[in-house]
Amino acid sequence: MADSGSQQAQNFGVNPWLIAVSVMLATFMEVLDTAIASVALPYIAGSLSASTDEATWVLTSYLVANAVILPASNWFSLRFGRKRFLITCVIIFTIASFFCGAAPSLAFILIARVIQGAGGGALQPLSQSILLESFPPEKRGAAMAVFAFGVVVAPVLGPTLGGWLTDTYSWRYAFYINIPVGALAVFMISRYIHDPDYISKAKASKFDGIGFGLLAVWTGCLQVILDKGQEDDWFGAVWIRWAVVILMIAFTWFVIHSWRSKRPLVNLHTLKDRNFGIGCGLMVLLGLCIYSMITILPLFYQELLGYTAFAAGLVVGPRGLGSILGMPVIGYLTNRVDPRYLLTFGFVGFGVMSLYFGNINLGISPWTLLVPIVFTGFALSFVFVPITTQAYSTLRNDQIGNASGIFNLVRNIGGSVGISIAQTLLVRRSDLHQTEMTGYVSRTQYWFQQQLSALTGYFSRLTAPPNARGAAEQMLYRQLNQQSLLWAFVDVFRWTSLVCFACVVLVWFFRKAQPGKAPAGVH
């Protein structure tokens, strides 16, 4: 029997691909739900008599609960058994999904979303741990390619599926769809997954209440600041300044406590492993890039080109096709090519496509960006799988549970920061470009007067002459807003590409790990 430090596969005679499908179902359901809910927000607000700003708490409440549970999942696995805890989480998530769909008020859905986030928080790290342990090291690349299907493809398919369900039926079905998936996941997990000895025979330490409380405070403050910062002018608001102070104190205390404690809720000493530490840094930047891109590209089609949510989802959906095409390729290459070369290709490909998106204009058709969008998904598959296998390549099996919680937490944080930065840049850069353009255009210029006269003549045939000039000026102002917002999108795309190119440098700080060989220090 392999000890806890072993890297041998532990699948208890079950076909590891059945295990992969079982845990992928849970992961796919959890990630998909986040993307679907974001599309349905305007409909949720209208149905529950809430403003759009209030409806954003449907996302925030989920992410806060999710982030708190993520790093704590390893302790709960040791205390209650990983299989039992995973099944419980899926059941909680599925039941909460039903109550989200049946919610009669905003307060009700917020409570249900908190419970859903608590149930969903552990699904990704638990699934990742089980998957990595079920395959021998030389086959973990192929296994992570399957896992990546749930993590990378689900956010892409979410807007399309969510838009279709909302337009065709109701936003409530965006939550009800989790029920049959959750039931199937519970059946497969209970049948095919077993706890290894180091889990089933483990004696969990005393619960770290201080660490858990500090984790809840700083992640909650961070999410609320990111969600409401732009709306309340960031540091211009007194409450945000206080929230930042509380965030810094809680985070510093959490790090010191987790580092010095003998049995912390989150063992930060895992970050001393070079590959894992670099992997976490790259996951923050990857989360920033992918989530900001997933957020702003549909917005471009909706806000500037007038697409519906469903139509925008259809246009950006081919990114999922690119990821699906890339999965078998990356699964084949992972153990044959140095992962650092694969990561370099992935980040460079994503960065080049982001630069290409920076050349967009208002005259594009739904097919103009088809190939770049597909290639973006293909490039992402060359990032997620190698970065995960490299980060875990020098860890023992008994370290993977704790590491998975940290790894998924930093990705979520990167995604939250990326979405907030992208939204802030769109607003601030749009205002800047509007100011710059008005500085070059004077009301006395011949071009301006010519356009104003032509539009005034047009509107004089549709409305009373005294109102025609005002309508013409409003039309020109809308064109100004449209052009300034277009340039703001261009800025975000180009800056995203710079982050991707910076990641290429960080990739080469990885220590090359030999597939199939235990890391140094494992006995």
Protein backbone atom coordinates (compact mmCIF):
# COMPACT_ATOMS: atom_id res chain seq x y z
CA MET A 1 0.00 0.00 0.00
CA ALA A 2 1.44 3.36 -1.01
CA ASP A 3 1.94 5.86 1.76
CA SER A 4 0.54 9.34 1.85
CA GLY A 5 3.55 10.76 0.16
CA SER A 6 3.30 8.43 -2.80
CA GLN A 7 2.48 9.61 -6.31
CA GLN A 8 1.03 6.26 -7.36
CA ALA A 9 -2.49 6.14 -8.79
CA GLN A 10 -5.19 5.30 -6.26
CA ASN A 11 -8.33 4.31 -8.16
CA PHE A 12 -9.29 1.10 -6.26
CA GLY A 13 -9.68 -0.93 -9.43
CA VAL A 14 -12.21 1.50 -10.96
CA ASN A 15 -11.56 2.70 -14.50
CA PRO A 16 -9.99 6.14 -13.88
CA TRP A 17 -11.92 7.62 -16.82
CA LEU A 18 -15.19 6.82 -15.04
CA ILE A 19 -13.80 8.71 -12.06
CA ALA A 20 -12.87 11.60 -14.38
CA VAL A 21 -16.40 11.82 -15.79
CA SER A 22 -17.91 11.63 -12.29
CA VAL A 23 -15.94 14.56 -10.90
CA MET A 24 -16.14 16.52 -14.16
CA LEU A 25 -19.93 16.55 -13.93
CA ALA A 26 -19.78 18.29 -10.56
CA THR A 27 -17.18 20.80 -11.75
CA PHE A 28 -18.97 21.52 -15.02
CA MET A 29 -22.24 22.14 -13.17
CA GLU A 30 -20.64 24.56 -10.71
CA VAL A 31 -18.68 26.60 -13.27
CA LEU A 32 -21.56 26.65 -15.76
CA ASP A 33 -23.96 28.03 -13.16
CA THR A 34 -21.82 31.11 -12.56
CA ALA A 35 -21.79 32.05 -16.25
CA ILE A 36 -25.51 31.33 -16.73
CA ALA A 37 -26.49 33.51 -13.75
CA SER A 38 -24.51 36.49 -15.10
CA VAL A 39 -26.50 36.45 -18.35
CA ALA A 40 -29.84 36.25 -16.53
CA LEU A 41 -29.20 39.19 -14.15
CA PRO A 42 -31.39 41.78 -15.96
CA TYR A 43 -34.28 39.32 -16.06
CA ILE A 44 -33.81 38.40 -12.39
CA ALA A 45 -33.89 42.09 -11.47
CA GLY A 46 -37.08 42.71 -13.43
CA SER A 47 -38.85 39.61 -12.11
CA LEU A 48 -37.99 40.30 -8.45
CA SER A 49 -38.61 44.08 -8.57
CA ALA A 50 -34.96 44.90 -7.97
CA SER A 51 -32.52 47.26 -9.64
CA THR A 52 -29.69 45.93 -11.79
CA ASP A 53 -27.18 47.01 -9.13
CA GLU A 54 -29.09 45.07 -6.47
CA ALA A 55 -29.24 42.05 -8.76
CA THR A 56 -25.42 41.94 -8.96
CA TRP A 57 -25.49 40.71 -5.37
CA VAL A 58 -26.82 37.46 -6.83
CA LEU A 59 -23.29 36.99 -8.21
CA THR A 60 -21.40 38.55 -5.30
CA SER A 61 -23.11 36.54 -2.56
CA TYR A 62 -22.30 33.32 -4.43
CA LEU A 63 -18.65 34.23 -5.02
CA VAL A 64 -18.06 35.24 -1.40
CA ALA A 65 -19.43 31.96 -0.02
CA ASN A 66 -17.57 30.07 -2.74
CA ALA A 67 -14.24 31.74 -1.95
CA VAL A 68 -14.53 31.09 1.78
CA ILE A 69 -15.13 27.35 1.36
CA LEU A 70 -12.47 26.80 -1.34
CA PRO A 71 -9.36 26.74 0.90
CA ALA A 72 -11.23 25.06 3.76
CA SER A 73 -12.26 22.08 1.64
CA ASN A 74 -9.20 20.03 2.60
CA TRP A 75 -10.02 20.16 6.33
CA PHE A 76 -13.63 19.15 5.73
CA SER A 77 -12.41 16.25 3.57
CA LEU A 78 -10.17 14.97 6.37
CA ARG A 79 -12.86 15.47 9.00
CA PHE A 80 -15.84 13.90 7.23
CA GLY A 81 -14.24 11.87 4.44
CA ARG A 82 -13.70 13.23 0.97
CA LYS A 83 -16.31 11.12 -0.81
CA ARG A 84 -18.99 11.87 1.79
CA PHE A 85 -18.12 15.58 1.75
CA LEU A 86 -18.19 15.74 -2.06
CA ILE A 87 -21.61 14.05 -2.25
CA THR A 88 -22.92 16.38 0.46
CA CYS A 89 -21.65 19.43 -1.44
CA VAL A 90 -23.31 18.30 -4.68
CA ILE A 91 -26.61 17.69 -2.85
CA ILE A 92 -26.45 21.11 -1.16
CA PHE A 93 -25.64 22.79 -4.48
CA THR A 94 -28.47 20.99 -6.28
CA ILE A 95 -31.13 21.71 -3.63
CA ALA A 96 -30.04 25.35 -3.39
CA SER A 97 -30.31 25.60 -7.19
CA PHE A 98 -33.97 24.61 -6.94
CA PHE A 99 -34.65 27.29 -4.34
CA CYS A 100 -32.79 29.87 -6.45
CA GLY A 101 -35.10 29.09 -9.35
CA ALA A 102 -38.20 29.17 -7.15
CA ALA A 103 -37.22 32.39 -5.32
CA PRO A 104 -40.16 34.80 -4.84
CA SER A 105 -38.01 37.75 -3.71
CA LEU A 106 -34.49 39.17 -3.90
CA ALA A 107 -33.74 38.38 -0.24
CA PHE A 108 -34.80 34.75 -0.78
CA ILE A 109 -32.56 34.24 -3.82
CA LEU A 110 -29.60 35.87 -2.04
CA ILE A 111 -29.89 33.42 0.87
CA ALA A 112 -30.22 30.53 -1.58
CA ARG A 113 -27.17 31.75 -3.52
CA VAL A 114 -25.06 31.90 -0.34
CA ILE A 115 -25.99 28.28 0.41
CA GLN A 116 -25.34 27.34 -3.22
CA GLY A 117 -21.93 29.04 -3.12
CA ALA A 118 -21.02 27.19 0.08
CA GLY A 119 -21.94 23.89 -1.56
CA GLY A 120 -20.17 24.72 -4.81
CA GLY A 121 -16.98 26.07 -3.26
CA ALA A 122 -15.47 22.64 -2.58
CA LEU A 123 -16.48 21.00 -5.87
CA GLN A 124 -13.51 22.15 -7.94
CA PRO A 125 -10.66 21.42 -5.48
CA LEU A 126 -12.17 18.07 -4.43
CA SER A 127 -12.70 17.04 -8.03
CA GLN A 128 -9.17 18.07 -8.96
CA SER A 129 -7.63 16.18 -6.04
CA ILE A 130 -9.55 12.99 -6.81
CA LEU A 131 -8.72 13.20 -10.49
CA LEU A 132 -4.99 13.73 -9.96
CA GLU A 133 -4.74 10.86 -7.49
CA SER A 134 -6.68 8.45 -9.72
CA PHE A 135 -4.16 8.61 -12.56
CA PRO A 136 -0.42 7.82 -12.52
CA PRO A 137 1.80 10.88 -13.03
CA GLU A 138 2.53 10.04 -16.68
CA LYS A 139 -1.22 10.16 -17.50
CA ARG A 140 -2.20 13.18 -15.46
CA GLY A 141 -1.90 15.49 -18.47
CA ALA A 142 -4.63 13.59 -20.29
CA ALA A 143 -6.74 13.56 -17.11
CA MET A 144 -6.39 17.30 -16.66
CA ALA A 145 -7.44 17.78 -20.28
CA VAL A 146 -10.79 16.21 -19.33
CA PHE A 147 -11.01 18.33 -16.18
CA ALA A 148 -10.22 21.43 -18.25
CA PHE A 149 -13.31 20.72 -20.31
CA GLY A 150 -15.42 21.57 -17.28
CA VAL A 151 -13.40 24.60 -16.17
CA VAL A 152 -12.59 26.22 -19.53
CA VAL A 153 -15.55 25.28 -21.72
CA ALA A 154 -18.34 25.82 -19.17
CA PRO A 155 -17.82 29.62 -18.85
CA VAL A 156 -17.94 29.83 -22.64
CA LEU A 157 -21.08 27.74 -23.09
CA GLY A 158 -22.78 29.40 -20.12
CA PRO A 159 -23.80 32.68 -21.80
CA THR A 160 -25.20 30.85 -24.84
CA LEU A 161 -27.14 28.30 -22.82
CA GLY A 162 -28.25 30.90 -20.29
CA GLY A 163 -29.44 33.28 -23.01
CA TRP A 164 -31.39 30.51 -24.74
CA LEU A 165 -33.05 29.27 -21.53
CA THR A 166 -33.92 32.79 -20.43
CA ASP A 167 -35.31 33.90 -23.80
CA THR A 168 -37.14 30.63 -24.50
CA TYR A 169 -38.45 29.75 -21.04
CA SER A 170 -37.47 31.78 -17.97
CA TRP A 171 -34.39 32.80 -16.02
CA ARG A 172 -35.49 30.27 -13.39
CA TYR A 173 -34.53 27.41 -15.71
CA ALA A 174 -30.94 28.65 -15.61
CA PHE A 175 -30.96 27.23 -12.06
CA TYR A 176 -33.32 24.31 -12.58
CA ILE A 177 -30.94 22.82 -15.17
CA ASN A 178 -28.58 21.91 -12.31
CA ILE A 179 -31.05 19.43 -10.81
CA PRO A 180 -30.70 16.52 -13.30
CA VAL A 181 -26.92 17.10 -13.61
CA GLY A 182 -26.55 17.08 -9.83
CA ALA A 183 -28.58 13.89 -9.49
CA LEU A 184 -26.39 12.12 -12.07
CA ALA A 185 -23.22 13.39 -10.37
CA VAL A 186 -24.35 12.04 -6.97
CA PHE A 187 -25.07 8.62 -8.50
CA MET A 188 -21.69 8.35 -10.24
CA ILE A 189 -19.67 9.66 -7.29
CA SER A 190 -21.32 7.24 -4.87
CA ARG A 191 -20.66 4.34 -7.25
CA TYR A 192 -17.14 4.97 -8.58
CA ILE A 193 -15.23 7.08 -6.06
CA HIS A 194 -13.52 5.81 -2.88
CA ASP A 195 -11.37 7.48 -0.25
CA PRO A 196 -7.64 6.58 -0.10
CA ASP A 197 -6.17 5.40 3.19
CA TYR A 198 -4.62 8.74 4.10
CA ILE A 199 -8.14 10.26 3.90
CA SER A 200 -10.20 7.45 5.44
CA LYS A 201 -7.73 6.93 8.33
CA ALA A 202 -6.93 10.59 8.84
CA LYS A 203 -7.66 12.37 12.10
CA ALA A 204 -8.49 15.95 11.35
CA SER A 205 -6.97 18.55 13.62
CA LYS A 206 -9.07 20.97 15.62
CA PHE A 207 -11.00 23.32 13.39
CA ASP A 208 -9.11 26.58 12.83
CA GLY A 209 -11.91 28.99 13.64
CA ILE A 210 -9.62 32.04 13.62
CA GLY A 211 -8.26 31.22 10.19
CA PHE A 212 -11.74 30.51 8.82
CA GLY A 213 -13.12 33.78 10.21
CA LEU A 214 -10.24 35.85 8.83
CA LEU A 215 -10.59 34.12 5.46
CA ALA A 216 -14.30 35.00 5.36
CA VAL A 217 -13.61 38.64 6.27
CA TRP A 218 -10.89 39.39 3.74
CA THR A 219 -12.43 37.49 0.83
CA GLY A 220 -15.82 39.07 1.56
CA CYS A 221 -14.33 42.57 1.71
CA LEU A 222 -12.36 41.97 -1.48
CA GLN A 223 -15.40 40.78 -3.44
CA VAL A 224 -17.64 43.62 -2.26
CA ILE A 225 -14.95 46.21 -3.08
CA LEU A 226 -14.43 44.77 -6.55
CA ASP A 227 -18.16 44.54 -7.19
CA LYS A 228 -19.13 48.03 -5.99
CA GLY A 229 -15.87 49.94 -6.48
CA GLN A 230 -16.54 51.46 -9.88
CA GLU A 231 -20.15 52.25 -9.00
CA ASP A 232 -19.10 54.22 -5.88
CA ASP A 233 -15.96 55.84 -7.39
CA TRP A 234 -13.50 53.55 -5.61
CA PHE A 235 -11.45 55.46 -3.01
CA GLY A 236 -13.72 58.45 -3.42
CA ALA A 237 -16.19 56.61 -1.17
CA VAL A 238 -15.44 56.58 2.57
CA TRP A 239 -16.89 53.09 3.07
CA ILE A 240 -14.56 51.64 0.44
CA ARG A 241 -11.53 53.15 2.17
CA TRP A 242 -12.62 51.53 5.43
CA ALA A 243 -13.30 48.25 3.64
CA VAL A 244 -9.77 48.32 2.20
CA VAL A 245 -8.31 48.89 5.68
CA ILE A 246 -10.30 45.95 7.07
CA LEU A 247 -9.24 43.84 4.06
CA MET A 248 -5.54 44.58 4.60
CA ILE A 249 -5.67 43.90 8.34
CA ALA A 250 -7.63 40.65 7.93
CA PHE A 251 -5.45 39.42 5.08
CA THR A 252 -2.18 40.19 6.89
CA TRP A 253 -3.45 38.53 10.06
CA PHE A 254 -4.65 35.53 8.05
CA VAL A 255 -1.23 35.06 6.38
CA ILE A 256 0.68 35.38 9.66
CA HIS A 257 -1.71 33.05 11.47
CA SER A 258 -1.71 30.43 8.70
CA TRP A 259 2.08 30.55 8.41
CA ARG A 260 2.82 30.22 12.13
CA SER A 261 0.03 27.91 13.24
CA LYS A 262 0.93 24.25 13.64
CA ARG A 263 -2.39 23.07 12.19
CA PRO A 264 -3.84 25.90 10.10
CA LEU A 265 -7.00 25.69 8.04
CA VAL A 266 -4.92 26.62 4.98
CA ASN A 267 -1.31 25.46 4.96
CA LEU A 268 0.51 28.28 3.17
CA HIS A 269 3.84 26.44 3.45
CA THR A 270 2.81 24.60 0.28
CA LEU A 271 3.60 27.84 -1.55
CA LYS A 272 7.29 27.31 -0.73
CA ASP A 273 7.30 24.65 -3.44
CA ARG A 274 8.74 26.54 -6.39
CA ASN A 275 6.54 25.06 -9.10
CA PHE A 276 3.37 25.42 -7.06
CA GLY A 277 4.14 29.03 -6.10
CA ILE A 278 4.81 30.01 -9.72
CA GLY A 279 1.71 28.10 -10.82
CA CYS A 280 -0.43 30.08 -8.38
CA GLY A 281 1.02 33.34 -9.70
CA LEU A 282 0.25 32.32 -13.26
CA MET A 283 -3.27 31.24 -12.30
CA VAL A 284 -3.98 34.71 -10.92
CA LEU A 285 -2.88 36.27 -14.22
CA LEU A 286 -4.70 33.62 -16.25
CA GLY A 287 -7.92 34.21 -14.28
CA LEU A 288 -7.50 37.94 -14.87
CA CYS A 289 -7.11 37.46 -18.63
CA ILE A 290 -9.72 34.80 -19.35
CA TYR A 291 -12.51 36.17 -17.16
CA SER A 292 -12.04 39.75 -18.37
CA MET A 293 -12.11 38.51 -21.98
CA ILE A 294 -15.18 36.35 -21.38
CA THR A 295 -16.93 39.34 -19.79
CA ILE A 296 -16.14 42.17 -22.20
CA LEU A 297 -16.37 40.40 -25.58
CA PRO A 298 -20.13 39.69 -25.23
CA LEU A 299 -20.54 43.25 -23.90
CA PHE A 300 -18.95 44.58 -27.08
CA TYR A 301 -21.52 42.81 -29.21
CA GLN A 302 -24.43 43.82 -26.98
CA GLU A 303 -23.61 47.43 -26.16
CA LEU A 304 -22.02 48.57 -29.41
CA LEU A 305 -23.57 46.31 -32.05
CA GLY A 306 -27.00 45.84 -30.45
CA TYR A 307 -26.93 42.03 -30.21
CA THR A 308 -29.27 40.24 -27.82
CA ALA A 309 -27.78 38.18 -24.97
CA PHE A 310 -28.50 34.98 -26.85
CA ALA A 311 -27.03 36.29 -30.13
CA ALA A 312 -23.89 37.51 -28.36
CA GLY A 313 -23.55 34.13 -26.69
CA LEU A 314 -23.79 32.41 -30.07
CA VAL A 315 -21.06 34.63 -31.52
CA VAL A 316 -18.56 34.03 -28.70
CA GLY A 317 -19.60 30.38 -28.22
CA PRO A 318 -17.11 28.99 -30.79
CA ARG A 319 -14.38 29.60 -28.20
CA GLY A 320 -15.71 26.43 -26.57
CA LEU A 321 -15.26 24.60 -29.87
CA GLY A 322 -11.62 25.67 -29.93
CA SER A 323 -11.12 24.37 -26.39
CA ILE A 324 -12.76 21.05 -27.28
CA LEU A 325 -10.47 20.70 -30.31
CA GLY A 326 -7.45 21.48 -28.16
CA MET A 327 -8.17 18.98 -25.38
CA PRO A 328 -7.13 15.76 -27.19
CA VAL A 329 -4.10 17.53 -28.64
CA ILE A 330 -2.87 18.76 -25.29
CA GLY A 331 -3.66 15.42 -23.67
CA TYR A 332 -1.37 13.73 -26.24
CA LEU A 333 1.45 16.31 -26.03
CA THR A 334 1.62 16.87 -22.26
CA ASN A 335 3.93 13.95 -21.52
CA ARG A 336 5.87 14.23 -24.79
CA VAL A 337 6.73 17.93 -24.87
CA ASP A 338 8.18 20.15 -22.16
CA PRO A 339 5.10 21.84 -20.59
CA ARG A 340 6.92 25.16 -20.64
CA TYR A 341 6.87 25.13 -24.45
CA LEU A 342 3.16 24.33 -24.41
CA LEU A 343 2.49 27.16 -21.97
CA THR A 344 4.52 29.55 -24.10
CA PHE A 345 2.47 28.63 -27.17
CA GLY A 346 -0.77 29.04 -25.23
CA PHE A 347 0.01 32.43 -23.72
CA VAL A 348 1.52 33.79 -26.95
CA GLY A 349 -1.49 32.55 -28.93
CA PHE A 350 -3.94 34.12 -26.48
CA GLY A 351 -1.94 37.36 -26.46
CA VAL A 352 -1.77 37.59 -30.25
CA MET A 353 -5.52 37.02 -30.53
CA SER A 354 -6.12 39.73 -27.92
CA LEU A 355 -4.04 42.09 -30.07
CA TYR A 356 -6.14 41.07 -33.07
CA PHE A 357 -9.32 41.91 -31.13
CA GLY A 358 -7.75 45.33 -30.58
CA ASN A 359 -8.32 46.08 -34.29
CA ILE A 360 -12.11 45.74 -34.11
CA ASN A 361 -14.48 48.37 -35.47
CA LEU A 362 -18.22 48.94 -35.61
CA GLY A 363 -18.55 47.45 -39.08
CA ILE A 364 -17.73 43.84 -38.22
CA SER A 365 -20.14 41.00 -38.97
CA PRO A 366 -20.94 38.01 -36.71
CA TRP A 367 -18.39 35.98 -38.69
CA THR A 368 -15.50 38.46 -38.64
CA LEU A 369 -13.98 37.20 -35.38
CA LEU A 370 -14.95 33.55 -35.78
CA VAL A 371 -11.45 32.19 -36.44
CA PRO A 372 -9.75 34.33 -33.75
CA ILE A 373 -12.40 33.32 -31.19
CA VAL A 374 -11.96 29.62 -32.02
CA PHE A 375 -8.17 29.93 -31.83
CA THR A 376 -8.45 31.72 -28.47
CA GLY A 377 -10.22 28.67 -27.07
CA PHE A 378 -7.61 26.39 -28.64
CA ALA A 379 -4.79 28.43 -27.06
CA LEU A 380 -6.47 28.33 -23.65
CA SER A 381 -6.36 24.53 -23.65
CA PHE A 382 -2.57 24.83 -24.01
CA VAL A 383 -2.48 26.96 -20.87
CA PHE A 384 -4.80 25.42 -18.30
CA VAL A 385 -3.68 21.79 -18.54
CA PRO A 386 0.13 22.30 -18.53
CA ILE A 387 -0.03 24.97 -15.83
CA THR A 388 -1.94 22.59 -13.55
CA THR A 389 0.26 19.57 -14.18
CA GLN A 390 3.41 21.66 -13.68
CA ALA A 391 2.13 23.22 -10.45
CA TYR A 392 1.28 19.83 -8.93
CA SER A 393 4.22 17.92 -10.42
CA THR A 394 6.45 18.31 -7.36
CA LEU A 395 3.79 17.82 -4.68
CA ARG A 396 2.99 14.63 -2.76
CA ASN A 397 -0.52 13.18 -2.85
CA ASP A 398 -1.21 14.25 0.73
CA GLN A 399 -0.38 17.86 -0.24
CA ILE A 400 -2.72 17.98 -3.23
CA GLY A 401 -5.94 18.52 -1.25
CA ASN A 402 -4.66 21.65 0.50
CA ALA A 403 -2.94 22.83 -2.70
CA SER A 404 -6.13 22.45 -4.75
CA GLY A 405 -8.02 24.78 -2.42
CA ILE A 406 -5.33 27.45 -2.71
CA PHE A 407 -4.96 26.95 -6.47
CA ASN A 408 -8.66 27.39 -7.21
CA LEU A 409 -8.95 30.30 -4.78
CA VAL A 410 -6.23 32.33 -6.51
CA ARG A 411 -7.84 31.62 -9.90
CA ASN A 412 -11.19 32.91 -8.64
CA ILE A 413 -9.52 35.97 -7.13
CA GLY A 414 -7.72 36.63 -10.42
CA GLY A 415 -11.03 36.32 -12.26
CA SER A 416 -12.81 38.71 -9.89
CA VAL A 417 -9.99 41.25 -10.15
CA GLY A 418 -9.92 40.89 -13.95
CA ILE A 419 -13.66 41.50 -14.32
CA SER A 420 -13.50 44.54 -12.03
CA ILE A 421 -10.47 45.99 -13.83
CA ALA A 422 -12.07 45.45 -17.24
CA GLN A 423 -15.32 47.14 -16.19
CA THR A 424 -13.46 50.04 -14.60
CA LEU A 425 -11.25 50.52 -17.66
CA LEU A 426 -14.26 50.52 -19.97
CA VAL A 427 -15.82 53.39 -18.01
CA ARG A 428 -12.67 55.41 -17.32
CA ARG A 429 -11.05 54.98 -20.74
CA SER A 430 -14.34 55.76 -22.48
CA ASP A 431 -14.54 59.07 -20.59
CA LEU A 432 -10.89 59.79 -21.42
CA HIS A 433 -11.31 59.11 -25.13
CA GLN A 434 -14.48 61.19 -25.22
CA THR A 435 -12.60 64.12 -23.69
CA GLU A 436 -9.72 63.68 -26.14
CA MET A 437 -12.02 63.54 -29.18
CA THR A 438 -14.04 66.59 -28.15
CA GLY A 439 -10.74 68.43 -27.76
CA TYR A 440 -10.01 67.92 -31.44
CA VAL A 441 -13.51 68.76 -32.66
CA SER A 442 -14.81 72.32 -32.35
CA ARG A 443 -18.44 73.26 -32.88
CA THR A 444 -17.24 75.92 -35.33
CA GLN A 445 -15.35 73.46 -37.54
CA TYR A 446 -16.65 73.03 -41.07
CA TRP A 447 -16.93 69.23 -40.72
CA PHE A 448 -19.02 69.49 -37.57
CA GLN A 449 -21.32 72.13 -38.99
CA GLN A 450 -21.79 70.12 -42.18
CA GLN A 451 -22.78 66.98 -40.26
CA LEU A 452 -25.05 68.95 -37.95
CA SER A 453 -26.82 70.64 -40.87
CA ALA A 454 -27.33 67.34 -42.70
CA LEU A 455 -28.78 65.65 -39.63
CA THR A 456 -30.93 68.67 -38.81
CA GLY A 457 -32.38 68.55 -42.30
CA TYR A 458 -33.09 64.85 -41.92
CA PHE A 459 -34.84 65.19 -38.56
CA SER A 460 -36.83 68.24 -39.71
CA ARG A 461 -38.76 65.87 -41.97
CA LEU A 462 -39.58 63.59 -39.01
CA THR A 463 -40.33 66.09 -36.25
CA ALA A 464 -41.11 69.74 -35.65
CA PRO A 465 -38.32 72.03 -36.94
CA PRO A 466 -37.57 73.51 -33.49
CA ASN A 467 -36.81 69.99 -32.24
CA ALA A 468 -34.74 68.92 -35.25
CA ARG A 469 -31.50 70.59 -34.17
CA GLY A 470 -31.66 69.05 -30.69
CA ALA A 471 -32.25 65.60 -32.18
CA ALA A 472 -29.29 66.11 -34.54
CA GLU A 473 -27.00 67.09 -31.65
CA GLN A 474 -28.15 64.04 -29.67
CA MET A 475 -27.34 61.81 -32.65
CA LEU A 476 -23.82 63.23 -32.91
CA TYR A 477 -23.32 62.81 -29.17
CA ARG A 478 -24.40 59.16 -29.38
CA GLN A 479 -21.86 58.64 -32.15
CA LEU A 480 -19.21 60.24 -29.93
CA ASN A 481 -20.10 57.92 -27.05
CA GLN A 482 -20.05 54.93 -29.37
CA GLN A 483 -16.59 55.75 -30.72
CA SER A 484 -15.13 56.49 -27.28
CA LEU A 485 -16.52 53.20 -25.90
CA LEU A 486 -15.10 51.36 -28.92
CA TRP A 487 -11.64 52.70 -28.12
CA ALA A 488 -12.07 51.69 -24.49
CA PHE A 489 -12.73 48.09 -25.62
CA VAL A 490 -9.63 48.29 -27.81
CA ASP A 491 -7.56 49.40 -24.81
CA VAL A 492 -8.76 46.50 -22.67
CA PHE A 493 -8.02 43.95 -25.41
CA ARG A 494 -4.52 45.32 -25.95
CA TRP A 495 -3.67 45.47 -22.26
CA THR A 496 -4.88 41.90 -21.85
CA SER A 497 -2.39 40.89 -24.52
CA LEU A 498 0.43 42.56 -22.57
CA VAL A 499 -0.46 40.52 -19.47
CA CYS A 500 -0.35 37.34 -21.57
CA PHE A 501 3.09 38.19 -22.93
CA ALA A 502 4.33 38.90 -19.39
CA CYS A 503 3.13 35.43 -18.37
CA VAL A 504 5.48 33.91 -20.96
CA VAL A 505 8.46 35.21 -18.97
CA LEU A 506 7.10 33.78 -15.72
CA VAL A 507 6.54 30.37 -17.35
CA TRP A 508 10.27 29.81 -17.71
CA PHE A 509 10.80 30.05 -13.96
CA PHE A 510 9.11 26.65 -13.64
CA ARG A 511 11.48 23.84 -12.68
CA LYS A 512 11.21 21.10 -15.27
CA ALA A 513 9.59 18.01 -13.77
CA GLN A 514 10.13 14.56 -15.25
CA PRO A 515 6.79 12.81 -15.93
CA GLY A 516 6.31 9.64 -13.92
CA LYS A 517 9.05 10.41 -11.39
CA ALA A 518 8.41 11.36 -7.80
CA PRO A 519 9.66 14.80 -6.77
CA ALA A 520 12.68 15.28 -4.63
CA GLY A 521 12.09 14.67 -0.99
CA VAL A 522 9.43 11.97 -1.46
CA HIS A 523 10.20 8.66 0.23
